[in-house]
Each structure stands twice: as C-alpha cells, then as structure tokens.
Amino acid sequence: MTENVLATQKQEIYDYVYAMLGGGMVDVELDPVHYETALTKALTRFRQRSDNSVEESYVFLPLTIDQNEYTLPKEIVEVRKIYRRSIGSRTGGGDGGTLFEPFNLAYTNTYLLASSNMGGLATYDMFAQHQELVGRMFGSFIEFKWNTATKKLTLLQRPRAEEEVLLYCYNYRPDSQLLTDYLANQWLKDYTLAACKYMIGEARSKFATIAGPQGGSALNGDALKAEAQAEMEKLELEVSQQVAGGVGYGFTIG
C-alpha cells in the first residue's frame, strides 16, 4: 500500500513536469527514466542542503556481549547520544532505577508544601548532580564513533552483558513525507522541472540545427541549459533562506 502511494505521488510530479514542458502541445523528448533521474536528483539535493529533510528519532538497540560494531539502517544520518539504564526515576520491576522521581516527590517535598522552606529544591539539585557524576565515573554514558558512509556505530567500550540502549538520532524523512510536505513539495517539483530542462537542453545542444527543406531549424539547447541552471541556483538560494522549510543553520556552507 505504501509503495502504491509513493508511486502515485511521484507520478503527480512527473505529470506536472510534463505539462510545464508543454507536453500535449509539443513533443517532449524525455523517457520515464529521465523523469525518475530528475526527481532523484531533486530529493538528493534537498537532503544535502535542507534541514527540513531530517527529523529527530529514538531507536532501541540491543547490545551483544563483546560486540562493539553495529550496522544501523541507511535512513539514519547521525547518532547524537546513547542512553542506557542507570540510576533512574521510576520503579520498573527491577529493570530500571528506583531512587528518584521529581514529580512524585512533589507531593512530599517540603518546598512545595511549605513555601518558607527552601531545602527541597536544593536537595534535588545536589542529588541530580550526584547522579550525573556517578554516571560519568561508572559507565552510564557510552562513548562511540559514528560512520555516516557505512552506517556503522562503534562503541568505545566492550559490552559486558546483554542490554538494550536508546539511541538519539537524526534520520532522513521518507520520500512520501517530503512529497506531501506543503513547504518542500513545490520546491521538489520545480527542481525536477529544472533538471528535466537541463537534460533536454543537453540533448538538443549536440546539434545546432536540424536539416530541412527550408534550410533547417535552429535548436534551443544552450538556451534551455542556461535557463535550467539559473532556476537551480534560484532554488538552492531558497533552501538557504528556509523557503522550503526547516529552522535554518547559523552558517551556510558553499
């Protein structure tokens, strides 16, 4: 069902490009593979340049004893942090922490029950710092290396027992989401159109004219390529200005 929906979304973009190129009035010299290549280029470029192409996610990873390397799905772009069970906040049948829960503590905290007493929050702050220090000293925080090309996560310590950790990641948004995003959809259509124009221009520029009984016809290959290039540059500028969505970066590369 999902594949059928994605195919329908892609076909809508192909129909849009075909119509914008004058399809039905003139012959458009493109095959289905050219439309698909242009859309793939648009999606790849959007993912390369726009932070609207990624989203935050949390992934559970079961660790195996003495295994340091794990291959994650190709959709994951970046692993930011690894969380493991430690001194925790809720009772959980013995598999989690049982010592501290600030929201449950609110009912017995003297600071909340009697505003003249100031020791409650100070005690909680000191205990929270104690938890963090113990975690740094005794392995609550796992150091790791992440390879964006091979999608391999390498833990810099040897797992001594089987356990499940939580990964805080950035991953690519699926194609179907980008094609329905009201901010990204039109950008992808226009970039696909520009890429198709460039391919037509590349083909037509191989020959300056076509011979005919009236002396031949001049082709507009170079003009199409120049127009397509200008449109692509305009669209990439829109990405840097967050027209296609995203919160933007503090700096721009390129």
Protein backbone atom coordinates (compact mmCIF):
# COMPACT_ATOMS: atom_id res chain seq x y z
CA MET A 1 0.00 0.00 0.00
CA THR A 2 2.80 2.41 0.89
CA GLU A 3 4.64 1.69 -2.38
CA ASN A 4 1.45 2.40 -4.35
CA VAL A 5 1.01 5.74 -2.56
CA LEU A 6 4.63 6.71 -3.25
CA ALA A 7 4.28 5.74 -6.91
CA THR A 8 1.16 7.92 -7.18
CA GLN A 9 2.95 10.88 -5.57
CA LYS A 10 5.86 10.54 -7.97
CA GLN A 11 3.55 10.29 -10.96
CA GLU A 12 1.89 13.56 -9.94
CA ILE A 13 5.30 15.27 -10.14
CA TYR A 14 6.05 13.64 -13.50
CA ASP A 15 2.69 14.87 -14.85
CA TYR A 16 3.43 18.37 -13.53
CA VAL A 17 6.84 18.46 -15.25
CA TYR A 18 5.39 17.07 -18.50
CA ALA A 19 2.71 19.75 -18.55
CA MET A 20 5.15 22.56 -17.71
CA LEU A 21 7.39 21.47 -20.58
CA GLY A 22 4.48 21.82 -22.99
CA GLY A 23 3.58 18.18 -23.16
CA GLY A 24 0.47 17.60 -25.28
CA MET A 25 1.24 20.68 -27.41
CA VAL A 26 4.80 19.78 -28.41
CA ASP A 27 6.87 16.63 -28.34
CA VAL A 28 8.80 16.27 -25.04
CA GLU A 29 11.92 14.19 -25.70
CA LEU A 30 12.04 12.51 -22.29
CA ASP A 31 11.65 8.88 -21.29
CA PRO A 32 10.37 7.70 -17.88
CA VAL A 33 13.96 7.14 -16.72
CA HIS A 34 14.72 10.83 -17.27
CA TYR A 35 11.82 11.94 -15.05
CA GLU A 36 12.89 9.48 -12.36
CA THR A 37 16.52 10.64 -12.56
CA ALA A 38 15.48 14.29 -12.25
CA LEU A 39 13.30 13.61 -9.19
CA THR A 40 16.08 11.55 -7.58
CA LYS A 41 18.46 14.47 -8.10
CA ALA A 42 15.94 16.86 -6.54
CA LEU A 43 15.47 14.64 -3.46
CA THR A 44 19.21 14.10 -3.08
CA ARG A 45 19.97 17.80 -3.37
CA PHE A 46 17.20 18.69 -0.92
CA ARG A 47 18.53 16.21 1.63
CA GLN A 48 22.03 17.57 1.15
CA ARG A 49 21.08 21.22 1.65
CA SER A 50 17.92 21.44 3.78
CA ASP A 51 17.46 20.53 7.44
CA ASN A 52 13.77 20.06 6.64
CA SER A 53 14.77 16.70 5.13
CA VAL A 54 15.69 15.16 8.50
CA GLU A 55 13.88 14.54 11.77
CA GLU A 56 14.74 13.54 15.31
CA SER A 57 14.14 9.93 16.26
CA TYR A 58 14.81 7.46 19.05
CA VAL A 59 15.93 3.92 18.27
CA PHE A 60 16.32 0.99 20.63
CA LEU A 61 19.47 -1.07 20.06
CA PRO A 62 20.05 -4.41 21.82
CA LEU A 63 23.74 -4.84 22.69
CA THR A 64 25.53 -8.17 22.41
CA ILE A 65 28.30 -9.28 24.74
CA ASP A 66 31.80 -8.48 23.37
CA GLN A 67 30.40 -6.90 20.18
CA ASN A 68 31.49 -3.30 19.57
CA GLU A 69 30.31 -2.65 15.99
CA TYR A 70 26.66 -2.38 14.92
CA THR A 71 25.27 -1.53 11.48
CA LEU A 72 22.24 0.76 11.63
CA PRO A 73 19.58 1.37 8.94
CA LYS A 74 20.66 3.54 6.00
CA GLU A 75 17.99 6.14 6.83
CA ILE A 76 19.86 7.22 9.96
CA VAL A 77 22.03 10.27 9.28
CA GLU A 78 23.60 10.99 12.66
CA VAL A 79 23.76 9.40 16.11
CA ARG A 80 23.87 12.15 18.71
CA LYS A 81 23.83 10.31 22.01
CA ILE A 82 23.43 6.88 23.60
CA TYR A 83 21.31 6.45 26.71
CA ARG A 84 21.46 3.40 28.95
CA ARG A 85 19.62 2.39 32.09
CA SER A 86 21.18 3.85 35.21
CA ILE A 87 20.08 5.37 38.50
CA GLY A 88 16.62 6.25 37.34
CA SER A 89 13.40 7.90 38.26
CA ARG A 90 10.62 5.33 38.34
CA THR A 91 10.04 1.88 39.71
CA GLY A 92 10.03 -0.64 36.89
CA GLY A 93 10.02 -4.19 38.18
CA GLY A 94 13.72 -4.19 38.93
CA ASP A 95 14.98 -3.37 35.42
CA GLY A 96 15.32 0.38 35.93
CA GLY A 97 16.14 2.89 38.63
CA THR A 98 14.07 3.17 41.75
CA LEU A 99 15.53 6.08 43.66
CA PHE A 100 14.20 9.40 42.47
CA GLU A 101 11.21 10.87 40.68
CA PRO A 102 10.87 14.66 40.96
CA PHE A 103 7.17 14.71 40.03
CA ASN A 104 6.24 12.04 42.56
CA LEU A 105 8.43 13.82 45.09
CA ALA A 106 6.37 16.98 44.61
CA TYR A 107 3.74 15.60 46.99
CA THR A 108 6.22 15.17 49.82
CA ASN A 109 8.66 17.94 49.04
CA THR A 110 8.61 20.43 51.89
CA TYR A 111 9.47 23.24 49.49
CA LEU A 112 6.14 22.73 47.69
CA LEU A 113 4.10 22.09 50.83
CA ALA A 114 5.61 24.96 52.78
CA SER A 115 6.95 27.84 50.74
CA SER A 116 9.07 29.09 53.68
CA ASN A 117 11.31 26.00 53.50
CA MET A 118 13.96 26.25 50.74
CA GLY A 119 15.82 22.96 51.24
CA GLY A 120 13.74 20.76 48.91
CA LEU A 121 14.88 22.01 45.52
CA ALA A 122 18.48 22.43 46.67
CA THR A 123 18.50 18.80 47.82
CA TYR A 124 17.08 17.67 44.47
CA ASP A 125 19.66 19.72 42.54
CA MET A 126 22.54 18.22 44.51
CA PHE A 127 21.19 14.71 44.06
CA ALA A 128 20.78 15.24 40.30
CA GLN A 129 24.41 16.39 40.06
CA HIS A 130 25.40 13.33 42.08
CA GLN A 131 23.60 11.09 39.56
CA GLU A 132 25.42 12.72 36.65
CA LEU A 133 28.83 12.41 38.34
CA VAL A 134 28.27 8.75 39.18
CA GLY A 135 27.18 8.13 35.60
CA ARG A 136 30.34 9.70 34.16
CA MET A 137 32.58 7.74 36.50
CA PHE A 138 30.92 4.31 36.23
CA GLY A 139 29.75 3.99 32.64
CA SER A 140 26.26 5.43 32.32
CA PHE A 141 27.49 7.41 29.29
CA ILE A 142 28.78 5.32 26.38
CA GLU A 143 31.44 6.86 24.13
CA PHE A 144 31.10 5.93 20.45
CA LYS A 145 32.13 6.66 16.87
CA TRP A 146 29.62 7.01 14.03
CA ASN A 147 30.49 6.48 10.35
CA THR A 148 27.99 8.32 8.13
CA ALA A 149 29.02 6.41 4.99
CA THR A 150 28.99 2.80 6.24
CA LYS A 151 26.31 3.44 8.91
CA LYS A 152 28.46 1.65 11.46
CA LEU A 153 28.23 2.51 15.14
CA THR A 154 31.38 1.62 17.07
CA LEU A 155 31.20 1.55 20.86
CA LEU A 156 34.44 2.52 22.59
CA GLN A 157 33.88 0.10 25.44
CA ARG A 158 33.24 -3.62 25.42
CA PRO A 159 29.68 -4.63 26.41
CA ARG A 160 29.93 -7.00 29.37
CA ALA A 161 26.26 -8.02 29.34
CA GLU A 162 23.27 -8.04 27.04
CA GLU A 163 21.26 -4.87 27.44
CA GLU A 164 19.09 -2.52 25.42
CA VAL A 165 20.20 1.08 24.91
CA LEU A 166 18.39 4.06 23.44
CA LEU A 167 19.93 6.00 20.53
CA TYR A 168 19.09 9.65 19.96
CA CYS A 169 19.40 10.06 16.19
CA TYR A 170 18.69 12.21 13.18
CA ASN A 171 17.22 10.31 10.25
CA TYR A 172 16.01 11.11 6.75
CA ARG A 173 12.31 11.79 6.39
CA PRO A 174 10.77 9.24 3.99
CA ASP A 175 10.23 10.27 0.37
CA SER A 176 6.45 10.09 0.82
CA GLN A 177 6.60 12.66 3.63
CA LEU A 178 8.72 15.08 1.62
CA LEU A 179 6.42 14.78 -1.39
CA THR A 180 3.41 15.72 0.75
CA ASP A 181 5.13 18.43 2.81
CA TYR A 182 3.48 21.70 1.77
CA LEU A 183 6.80 23.53 2.10
CA ALA A 184 9.02 21.02 0.28
CA ASN A 185 6.60 19.75 -2.37
CA GLN A 186 6.70 22.74 -4.72
CA TRP A 187 10.48 23.03 -4.35
CA LEU A 188 10.89 19.40 -5.42
CA LYS A 189 8.56 19.92 -8.38
CA ASP A 190 10.45 22.98 -9.59
CA TYR A 191 13.88 21.38 -9.15
CA THR A 192 12.72 18.27 -11.03
CA LEU A 193 11.44 20.54 -13.81
CA ALA A 194 14.76 22.39 -13.97
CA ALA A 195 16.71 19.11 -14.12
CA CYS A 196 14.49 17.86 -16.96
CA LYS A 197 15.02 21.13 -18.84
CA TYR A 198 18.77 20.70 -18.48
CA MET A 199 18.63 17.16 -19.87
CA ILE A 200 16.59 18.29 -22.88
CA GLY A 201 18.99 21.18 -23.41
CA GLU A 202 21.96 18.82 -23.23
CA ALA A 203 20.43 16.60 -25.90
CA ARG A 204 19.48 19.49 -28.18
CA SER A 205 22.85 21.22 -27.87
CA LYS A 206 24.57 18.27 -29.54
CA PHE A 207 23.32 19.61 -32.85
CA ALA A 208 22.98 23.31 -33.62
CA THR A 209 20.40 22.80 -36.36
CA ILE A 210 18.25 20.10 -37.92
CA ALA A 211 18.41 19.90 -41.70
CA GLY A 212 15.15 20.55 -43.59
CA PRO A 213 13.78 21.54 -46.96
CA GLN A 214 13.74 25.20 -45.96
CA GLY A 215 17.34 25.25 -44.79
CA GLY A 216 16.93 23.63 -41.36
CA SER A 217 15.72 24.63 -37.88
CA ALA A 218 17.80 26.00 -35.01
CA LEU A 219 17.56 24.22 -31.66
CA ASN A 220 17.42 25.96 -28.30
CA GLY A 221 19.63 23.58 -26.36
CA ASP A 222 22.03 26.17 -24.98
CA ALA A 223 19.18 28.48 -24.00
CA LEU A 224 17.41 25.64 -22.15
CA LYS A 225 20.59 24.72 -20.27
CA ALA A 226 21.17 28.32 -19.21
CA GLU A 227 17.55 28.69 -18.08
CA ALA A 228 17.68 25.42 -16.12
CA GLN A 229 20.95 26.39 -14.44
CA ALA A 230 19.52 29.75 -13.36
CA GLU A 231 16.43 28.06 -11.92
CA MET A 232 18.54 25.56 -9.95
CA GLU A 233 20.64 28.37 -8.46
CA LYS A 234 17.46 30.24 -7.50
CA LEU A 235 16.01 27.14 -5.85
CA GLU A 236 19.20 26.47 -3.88
CA LEU A 237 19.11 30.06 -2.64
CA GLU A 238 15.55 29.41 -1.42
CA VAL A 239 16.85 26.47 0.62
CA SER A 240 19.42 28.68 2.35
CA GLN A 241 16.60 31.14 3.14
CA GLN A 242 14.39 28.32 4.53
CA VAL A 243 11.65 28.91 1.93
CA ALA A 244 11.38 25.13 1.58
CA GLY A 245 11.05 24.64 5.34
CA GLY A 246 13.41 24.00 8.23
CA VAL A 247 14.73 26.09 11.09
CA GLY A 248 17.93 27.01 9.27
CA TYR A 249 21.58 26.91 10.19
CA GLY A 250 23.72 29.51 11.92
CA PHE A 251 26.00 29.46 8.88
CA THR A 252 25.84 28.40 5.23
CA ILE A 253 28.37 26.13 3.52
CA GLY A 254 29.02 26.76 -0.16
